[in-house]
Every structure is written in C-alpha cells, then in structure tokens.
C-alpha atoms as a PDB file:
ATOM      1  CA  MET A   1     184.634  -1.447  56.805  1.00  0.00           C
ATOM      2  CA  VAL A   2     183.251   0.761  54.045  1.00  0.00           C
ATOM      3  CA  TYR A   3     181.983  -0.378  50.666  1.00  0.00           C
ATOM      4  CA  PRO A   4     185.277  -0.102  48.735  1.00  0.00           C
ATOM      5  CA  GLU A   5     186.853  -2.601  51.125  1.00  0.00           C
ATOM      6  CA  ARG A   6     183.843  -4.898  50.876  1.00  0.00           C
ATOM      7  CA  ILE A   7     183.705  -4.938  47.078  1.00  0.00           C
ATOM      8  CA  ARG A   8     187.429  -5.615  46.936  1.00  0.00           C
ATOM      9  CA  ALA A   9     187.170  -8.444  49.478  1.00  0.00           C
ATOM     10  CA  LEU A  10     184.216  -9.997  47.617  1.00  0.00           C
ATOM     11  CA  ARG A  11     186.127  -9.837  44.328  1.00  0.00           C
ATOM     12  CA  GLU A  12     189.288 -11.317  45.805  1.00  0.00           C
ATOM     13  CA  ASP A  13     187.340 -14.100  47.555  1.00  0.00           C
ATOM     14  CA  LYS A  14     186.152 -15.216  44.112  1.00  0.00           C
ATOM     15  CA  ASP A  15     189.659 -14.877  42.623  1.00  0.00           C
ATOM     16  CA  LEU A  16     188.407 -12.335  40.098  1.00  0.00           C
ATOM     17  CA  SER A  17     190.332  -9.459  38.553  1.00  0.00           C
ATOM     18  CA  GLN A  18     189.188  -5.864  38.489  1.00  0.00           C
ATOM     19  CA  LYS A  19     188.979  -6.215  34.712  1.00  0.00           C
ATOM     20  CA  GLN A  20     186.515  -9.112  34.981  1.00  0.00           C
ATOM     21  CA  ILE A  21     184.205  -7.147  37.290  1.00  0.00           C
ATOM     22  CA  ALA A  22     184.591  -3.995  35.223  1.00  0.00           C
ATOM     23  CA  ASP A  23     183.588  -5.944  32.100  1.00  0.00           C
ATOM     24  CA  MET A  24     180.539  -7.331  33.903  1.00  0.00           C
ATOM     25  CA  LEU A  25     179.507  -3.799  34.886  1.00  0.00           C
ATOM     26  CA  GLY A  26     180.331  -2.377  31.457  1.00  0.00           C
ATOM     27  CA  VAL A  27     182.945   0.096  32.700  1.00  0.00           C
ATOM     28  CA  ALA A  28     186.682   0.488  32.191  1.00  0.00           C
ATOM     29  CA  GLN A  29     189.007  -1.298  34.600  1.00  0.00           C
ATOM     30  CA  THR A  30     190.405   2.067  35.697  1.00  0.00           C
ATOM     31  CA  THR A  31     186.906   3.264  36.591  1.00  0.00           C
ATOM     32  CA  TYR A  32     186.228   0.165  38.658  1.00  0.00           C
ATOM     33  CA  SER A  33     189.614   0.574  40.344  1.00  0.00           C
ATOM     34  CA  GLN A  34     188.554   4.054  41.426  1.00  0.00           C
ATOM     35  CA  TYR A  35     185.472   2.564  43.121  1.00  0.00           C
ATOM     36  CA  GLU A  36     187.682   0.201  45.134  1.00  0.00           C
ATOM     37  CA  LEU A  37     190.082   3.016  46.015  1.00  0.00           C
ATOM     38  CA  TYR A  38     187.193   5.318  47.072  1.00  0.00           C
ATOM     39  CA  LYS A  39     188.304   7.918  44.518  1.00  0.00           C
ATOM     40  CA  ARG A  40     184.963   7.894  42.707  1.00  0.00           C
ATOM     41  CA  PRO A  41     181.469   7.198  44.071  1.00  0.00           C
ATOM     42  CA  MET A  42     179.896   4.028  42.735  1.00  0.00           C
ATOM     43  CA  PRO A  43     176.516   4.524  41.021  1.00  0.00           C
ATOM     44  CA  ILE A  44     173.577   2.780  42.673  1.00  0.00           C
ATOM     45  CA  GLU A  45     172.919   0.611  39.617  1.00  0.00           C
ATOM     46  CA  TYR A  46     176.399  -0.885  39.998  1.00  0.00           C
ATOM     47  CA  LEU A  47     175.755  -1.530  43.674  1.00  0.00           C
ATOM     48  CA  VAL A  48     172.610  -3.440  42.714  1.00  0.00           C
ATOM     49  CA  ALA A  49     174.488  -5.376  40.014  1.00  0.00           C
ATOM     50  CA  LEU A  50     177.251  -6.343  42.461  1.00  0.00           C
ATOM     51  CA  CYS A  51     174.700  -7.440  45.076  1.00  0.00           C
ATOM     52  CA  LYS A  52     173.087  -9.735  42.527  1.00  0.00           C
ATOM     53  CA  TYR A  53     176.429 -10.970  41.184  1.00  0.00           C
ATOM     54  CA  TYR A  54     177.844 -11.835  44.614  1.00  0.00           C
ATOM     55  CA  ASN A  55     174.448 -12.795  46.076  1.00  0.00           C
ATOM     56  CA  VAL A  56     174.817 -10.453  49.045  1.00  0.00           C
ATOM     57  CA  SER A  57     172.677  -7.651  50.451  1.00  0.00           C
ATOM     58  CA  SER A  58     173.327  -3.993  49.818  1.00  0.00           C
ATOM     59  CA  ASP A  59     173.526  -3.554  53.606  1.00  0.00           C
ATOM     60  CA  TYR A  60     176.484  -5.931  53.616  1.00  0.00           C
ATOM     61  CA  ILE A  61     178.345  -4.111  50.830  1.00  0.00           C
ATOM     62  CA  LEU A  62     177.617  -0.728  52.417  1.00  0.00           C
ATOM     63  CA  GLY A  63     178.909  -1.919  55.781  1.00  0.00           C
ATOM     64  CA  LEU A  64     175.554  -1.564  57.555  1.00  0.00           C
ATOM     65  CA  SER A  65     175.470  -5.276  58.340  1.00  0.00           C
ATOM     66  CA  ASP A  66     177.960  -8.090  58.623  1.00  0.00           C
ATOM     67  CA  LYS A  67     175.369 -10.579  57.396  1.00  0.00           C
ATOM     68  CA  LYS A  68     175.817 -11.356  53.709  1.00  0.00           C
END
C-alpha cells in the first residue's frame, strides 16, 4: 500500500470528507484529491500535518511500516 491509499483509508476511517482534510491543510479540495489519486506529490509539510492529525507515524503513511 502506498501513501495515497493510506491517507484515503485514514480519512475514511474517521468519516471525513476530502474537503474537511483539504481545509485543515489549507489547500483546495481538488488539490487534496490529487494527492489521494497519486496525480500530484504531497509536500512533506502536509505529510507531517497528517501524521499529527491522525496520530500516526510517517512510516505508516508512507507504507514503510504497518504499525500506526
């Protein structure tokens, strides 16, 4: 599993919309959608923000570990 699948799964587990996460990151919903679809690379600062928001490690989001 690569990071787009992980960030989508984390979002869906919390019953959140792409718009809600995009607002938290300060980006447009369409931009966030492109991160989940692997059409645009996600900046490292957003990776850090998502790790803090979901309380998971960057290794988990990046698919390097299955331990949250």
